[in-house]
Amino acid sequence: MSETKIAIVTGGSRGIGRSTVLCLARRGVRSIFTYHTNAAEAGKVVALAAEAGAPAIALPLDVGQADGFAAFADQVRAALAGLGAERFDYLVNNAGTSSSANLANITAAEMDGLYAVHFKGPLFLTQALLPLINDGGRIVNISSGLARFAMPNRIGYGPIKAAVESLSRYMAVELAPRRIAVNVVAPGPIATDFSGGMVRDLPQVNKMIADQTALGRVGGPEDVGPVIAGLLSDDFGWVNAQRIEVAGGMHI
């Protein structure tokens, strides 16, 4: 990747987003990444990205509030100017929330929240940023292994991620005239603070997942960030409208 490239990564202050920002920095790609509330953690990522080889800028954003995306696009314009650019090259729609609801207890309000963050967020944020992304750019949307296989207590989260995968194919069709490729990365259970850190912190959950995974362990953010960064590179320039599951062979 050229050092002139710029990426926007939502949810870049932690977990998979953080790994993505740092992987891109090691490739010389500058980032504008978002965080929800934890400015201190975002500041740490900015410092780590600089150490890794490329500057990063952190901006606050609630991806569940689509009415704030126009103002965010203005902030992106200002951030790009600070990087000496007018446009960016890559968009990673990563930010998300978890849900452990089942059929008996999920509420309309919880489902509305998942829809706002995971579906409306990538759709309308991409729309707001279209004037700023370069032709020939690349977009990666984040899904989940739960869009392919079903597990208990994920009746809201899994299906909404399946909708993200369909959305991505439609994006790829509509953005084809601008040569913008759109792909999906679908992580399996990852040892982060997501879902209250249960995959990382609960030994019984960790073992259960490892036992269902061909490679015999739970994944970490360092397993996913490089895949996202790779999909954004010219090495994968002919890959479009595809779903890449990064789950170590779970439930195969």
Protein backbone atom coordinates (compact mmCIF):
# COMPACT_ATOMS: atom_id res chain seq x y z
CA MET A 1 0.00 0.00 0.00
CA SER A 2 1.19 3.50 -0.74
CA GLU A 3 1.89 5.84 2.13
CA THR A 4 -0.47 8.32 0.50
CA LYS A 5 -3.49 6.11 1.22
CA ILE A 6 -6.00 7.10 3.89
CA ALA A 7 -8.54 4.87 5.63
CA ILE A 8 -11.59 5.61 7.75
CA VAL A 9 -12.24 2.95 10.39
CA THR A 10 -15.26 3.10 12.70
CA GLY A 11 -14.81 1.73 16.19
CA GLY A 12 -11.03 2.02 15.98
CA SER A 13 -10.25 2.54 19.65
CA ARG A 14 -10.61 -1.11 20.70
CA GLY A 15 -10.67 -4.70 19.58
CA ILE A 16 -10.77 -5.48 15.88
CA GLY A 17 -10.92 -1.82 14.88
CA ARG A 18 -7.83 -1.02 16.89
CA SER A 19 -5.96 -3.94 15.33
CA THR A 20 -7.03 -2.74 11.88
CA VAL A 21 -5.78 0.82 12.45
CA LEU A 22 -2.41 -0.47 13.66
CA CYS A 23 -2.05 -2.98 10.82
CA LEU A 24 -2.76 -0.22 8.33
CA ALA A 25 -0.23 2.05 10.03
CA ARG A 26 2.44 -0.63 9.67
CA ARG A 27 1.63 -0.63 5.94
CA GLY A 28 2.05 3.15 5.77
CA VAL A 29 -1.70 3.88 5.57
CA ARG A 30 -2.95 6.87 7.52
CA SER A 31 -6.24 6.51 9.36
CA ILE A 32 -9.13 8.58 10.59
CA PHE A 33 -10.87 6.36 13.11
CA THR A 34 -13.88 6.81 15.34
CA TYR A 35 -14.55 6.08 18.97
CA HIS A 36 -17.81 6.25 20.88
CA THR A 37 -16.99 7.55 24.37
CA ASN A 38 -13.50 6.48 25.44
CA ALA A 39 -11.27 9.32 24.31
CA ALA A 40 -8.37 8.08 26.45
CA GLU A 41 -8.22 4.73 24.65
CA ALA A 42 -8.52 6.52 21.31
CA GLY A 43 -5.53 8.65 22.27
CA LYS A 44 -3.50 5.53 22.96
CA VAL A 45 -4.29 4.19 19.49
CA VAL A 46 -3.22 7.48 17.93
CA ALA A 47 0.14 7.19 19.71
CA LEU A 48 0.56 3.52 18.76
CA ALA A 49 -0.26 4.22 15.13
CA ALA A 50 2.42 6.93 15.01
CA GLU A 51 4.91 4.46 16.48
CA ALA A 52 3.85 1.88 13.91
CA GLY A 53 4.61 4.23 11.05
CA ALA A 54 1.63 6.41 10.08
CA PRO A 55 -0.41 9.19 11.67
CA ALA A 56 -3.97 8.61 12.84
CA ILE A 57 -6.74 11.00 13.84
CA ALA A 58 -9.50 10.05 16.29
CA LEU A 59 -13.02 11.48 15.95
CA PRO A 60 -16.04 10.80 18.17
CA LEU A 61 -19.06 9.21 16.49
CA ASP A 62 -22.18 7.32 17.51
CA VAL A 63 -22.85 5.06 14.53
CA GLY A 64 -26.36 4.48 15.80
CA GLN A 65 -27.31 8.12 15.19
CA ALA A 66 -27.55 8.53 11.43
CA ASP A 67 -28.69 12.13 11.75
CA GLY A 68 -25.16 12.99 12.88
CA PHE A 69 -23.42 11.66 9.78
CA ALA A 70 -23.56 14.89 7.76
CA ALA A 71 -21.77 16.73 10.56
CA PHE A 72 -19.29 13.87 10.83
CA ALA A 73 -18.56 14.14 7.11
CA ASP A 74 -17.66 17.78 7.70
CA GLN A 75 -15.28 16.69 10.46
CA VAL A 76 -13.74 14.19 8.07
CA ARG A 77 -13.17 16.95 5.50
CA ALA A 78 -11.32 18.95 8.13
CA ALA A 79 -9.30 15.92 9.22
CA LEU A 80 -8.37 15.14 5.63
CA ALA A 81 -7.18 18.71 5.19
CA GLY A 82 -4.98 18.19 8.23
CA LEU A 83 -3.47 15.19 6.46
CA GLY A 84 -2.94 17.22 3.30
CA ALA A 85 -5.70 15.45 1.36
CA GLU A 86 -9.19 16.07 0.05
CA ARG A 87 -10.35 12.46 -0.24
CA PHE A 88 -9.78 9.09 1.36
CA ASP A 89 -9.34 5.60 -0.11
CA TYR A 90 -10.69 2.97 2.27
CA LEU A 91 -13.72 2.67 4.54
CA VAL A 92 -14.08 0.00 7.24
CA ASN A 93 -17.56 -0.14 8.79
CA ASN A 94 -16.52 -1.94 11.97
CA ALA A 95 -18.19 -0.29 14.97
CA GLY A 96 -20.90 -2.36 16.59
CA THR A 97 -22.73 -3.45 19.70
CA SER A 98 -23.50 -6.89 21.06
CA SER A 99 -26.74 -8.59 22.02
CA SER A 100 -27.44 -11.74 24.03
CA ALA A 101 -31.20 -11.72 23.48
CA ASN A 102 -33.21 -14.83 22.66
CA LEU A 103 -36.60 -15.30 21.04
CA ALA A 104 -38.44 -15.17 24.36
CA ASN A 105 -36.93 -11.95 25.68
CA ILE A 106 -35.79 -9.76 22.78
CA THR A 107 -37.61 -6.43 22.70
CA ALA A 108 -38.53 -4.15 19.85
CA ALA A 109 -36.29 -1.47 21.34
CA GLU A 110 -33.27 -3.77 21.39
CA MET A 111 -33.90 -4.87 17.81
CA ASP A 112 -34.29 -1.24 16.74
CA GLY A 113 -30.92 -0.50 18.36
CA LEU A 114 -29.19 -3.34 16.53
CA TYR A 115 -30.74 -2.20 13.26
CA ALA A 116 -29.62 1.39 13.85
CA VAL A 117 -26.01 0.49 14.63
CA HIS A 118 -25.33 -2.49 12.38
CA PHE A 119 -27.47 -1.81 9.31
CA LYS A 120 -28.44 1.84 9.12
CA GLY A 121 -24.99 2.80 10.38
CA PRO A 122 -22.95 1.30 7.53
CA LEU A 123 -25.61 2.20 4.96
CA PHE A 124 -25.99 5.87 5.77
CA LEU A 125 -22.42 6.52 6.86
CA THR A 126 -21.22 5.16 3.53
CA GLN A 127 -23.79 7.36 1.80
CA ALA A 128 -22.59 10.44 3.69
CA LEU A 129 -18.95 9.73 2.83
CA LEU A 130 -19.41 8.84 -0.85
CA PRO A 131 -18.44 12.34 -2.05
CA LEU A 132 -15.13 11.96 -0.18
CA ILE A 133 -14.00 8.47 -1.17
CA ASN A 134 -11.75 8.14 -4.17
CA ASP A 135 -12.88 6.27 -7.25
CA GLY A 136 -11.17 2.90 -7.17
CA GLY A 137 -11.43 2.83 -3.38
CA ARG A 138 -12.37 -0.13 -1.23
CA ILE A 139 -14.94 -0.76 1.51
CA VAL A 140 -15.00 -3.54 4.09
CA ASN A 141 -18.12 -4.16 6.14
CA ILE A 142 -17.92 -6.31 9.25
CA SER A 143 -20.34 -9.19 9.66
CA SER A 144 -20.08 -12.24 11.93
CA GLY A 145 -19.77 -15.98 11.77
CA LEU A 146 -23.23 -15.91 13.36
CA ALA A 147 -24.64 -14.92 9.97
CA ARG A 148 -23.70 -18.43 8.75
CA PHE A 149 -24.22 -20.61 11.84
CA ALA A 150 -26.73 -20.18 14.65
CA MET A 151 -26.07 -20.20 18.39
CA PRO A 152 -28.37 -19.57 21.36
CA ASN A 153 -29.01 -16.02 22.54
CA ARG A 154 -28.02 -14.32 19.31
CA ILE A 155 -31.42 -14.04 17.61
CA GLY A 156 -31.06 -10.31 17.02
CA TYR A 157 -27.35 -10.02 16.32
CA GLY A 158 -26.88 -12.92 13.87
CA PRO A 159 -29.74 -12.05 11.50
CA ILE A 160 -28.87 -8.35 11.39
CA LYS A 161 -25.31 -9.29 10.41
CA ALA A 162 -26.73 -11.46 7.62
CA ALA A 163 -28.53 -8.34 6.43
CA VAL A 164 -25.17 -6.51 6.39
CA GLU A 165 -23.83 -9.17 4.04
CA SER A 166 -26.73 -8.64 1.64
CA LEU A 167 -26.31 -4.87 1.91
CA SER A 168 -22.65 -5.24 0.96
CA ARG A 169 -23.50 -7.02 -2.29
CA TYR A 170 -25.92 -4.25 -3.20
CA MET A 171 -23.26 -1.66 -2.40
CA ALA A 172 -20.83 -3.49 -4.68
CA VAL A 173 -23.32 -3.33 -7.55
CA GLU A 174 -24.13 0.34 -7.10
CA LEU A 175 -20.53 1.45 -6.62
CA ALA A 176 -19.18 -0.58 -9.54
CA PRO A 177 -19.28 2.40 -11.95
CA ARG A 178 -16.80 4.12 -9.62
CA ARG A 179 -14.65 0.97 -9.39
CA ILE A 180 -15.20 0.85 -5.62
CA ALA A 181 -15.03 -2.74 -4.34
CA VAL A 182 -17.09 -3.80 -1.32
CA ASN A 183 -16.31 -6.92 0.69
CA VAL A 184 -17.31 -8.47 4.01
CA VAL A 185 -15.14 -9.81 6.80
CA ALA A 186 -17.04 -12.12 9.15
CA PRO A 187 -15.09 -12.84 12.35
CA GLY A 188 -15.88 -15.75 14.59
CA PRO A 189 -15.92 -15.27 18.38
CA ILE A 190 -12.96 -13.04 19.23
CA ALA A 191 -11.25 -12.56 22.61
CA THR A 192 -11.95 -8.86 23.19
CA ASP A 193 -14.14 -6.82 25.54
CA PHE A 194 -17.08 -7.34 23.13
CA SER A 195 -20.13 -8.99 24.75
CA GLY A 196 -18.77 -8.02 28.14
CA GLY A 197 -15.50 -9.81 27.44
CA MET A 198 -17.08 -13.25 27.86
CA VAL A 199 -15.04 -14.95 25.13
CA ARG A 200 -11.83 -13.52 26.56
CA ASP A 201 -12.58 -13.75 30.28
CA LEU A 202 -14.81 -16.81 30.87
CA PRO A 203 -12.74 -20.03 30.67
CA GLN A 204 -15.78 -22.22 30.00
CA VAL A 205 -16.88 -20.05 27.06
CA ASN A 206 -13.34 -19.89 25.70
CA LYS A 207 -12.99 -23.67 25.85
CA MET A 208 -16.40 -24.28 24.28
CA ILE A 209 -15.51 -22.10 21.30
CA ALA A 210 -12.03 -23.59 20.95
CA ASP A 211 -13.54 -27.09 20.95
CA GLN A 212 -15.83 -26.12 18.05
CA THR A 213 -13.01 -24.57 16.00
CA ALA A 214 -10.87 -26.63 13.64
CA LEU A 215 -7.67 -24.81 14.57
CA GLY A 216 -8.37 -25.45 18.23
CA ARG A 217 -8.32 -22.01 19.79
CA VAL A 218 -10.24 -18.76 20.11
CA GLY A 219 -9.27 -15.94 17.77
CA GLY A 220 -7.89 -12.57 18.80
CA PRO A 221 -8.13 -9.15 17.18
CA GLU A 222 -4.64 -9.70 15.81
CA ASP A 223 -6.12 -12.51 13.69
CA VAL A 224 -8.69 -10.22 12.06
CA GLY A 225 -7.03 -6.82 11.63
CA PRO A 226 -4.45 -8.10 9.11
CA VAL A 227 -7.21 -9.70 7.01
CA ILE A 228 -9.10 -6.41 6.82
CA ALA A 229 -5.93 -4.51 5.98
CA GLY A 230 -5.08 -7.10 3.35
CA LEU A 231 -8.50 -6.87 1.70
CA LEU A 232 -8.00 -3.13 1.36
CA SER A 233 -4.70 -3.58 -0.45
CA ASP A 234 -4.04 -3.75 -4.17
CA ASP A 235 -3.14 -7.43 -3.66
CA PHE A 236 -6.89 -8.10 -3.39
CA GLY A 237 -7.93 -5.63 -6.04
CA TRP A 238 -9.92 -8.20 -8.05
CA VAL A 239 -11.87 -9.44 -5.00
CA ASN A 240 -15.31 -7.85 -4.86
CA ALA A 241 -18.69 -8.62 -3.24
CA GLN A 242 -17.17 -11.50 -1.26
CA ARG A 243 -17.59 -12.73 2.31
CA ILE A 244 -14.38 -13.79 4.07
CA GLU A 245 -14.99 -15.64 7.33
CA VAL A 246 -12.14 -15.32 9.82
CA ALA A 247 -13.05 -17.93 12.40
CA GLY A 248 -10.35 -20.59 12.38
CA GLY A 249 -12.76 -23.09 10.84
CA MET A 250 -15.60 -22.89 13.35
CA HIS A 251 -18.51 -25.25 12.72
CA ILE A 252 -17.18 -26.70 9.48
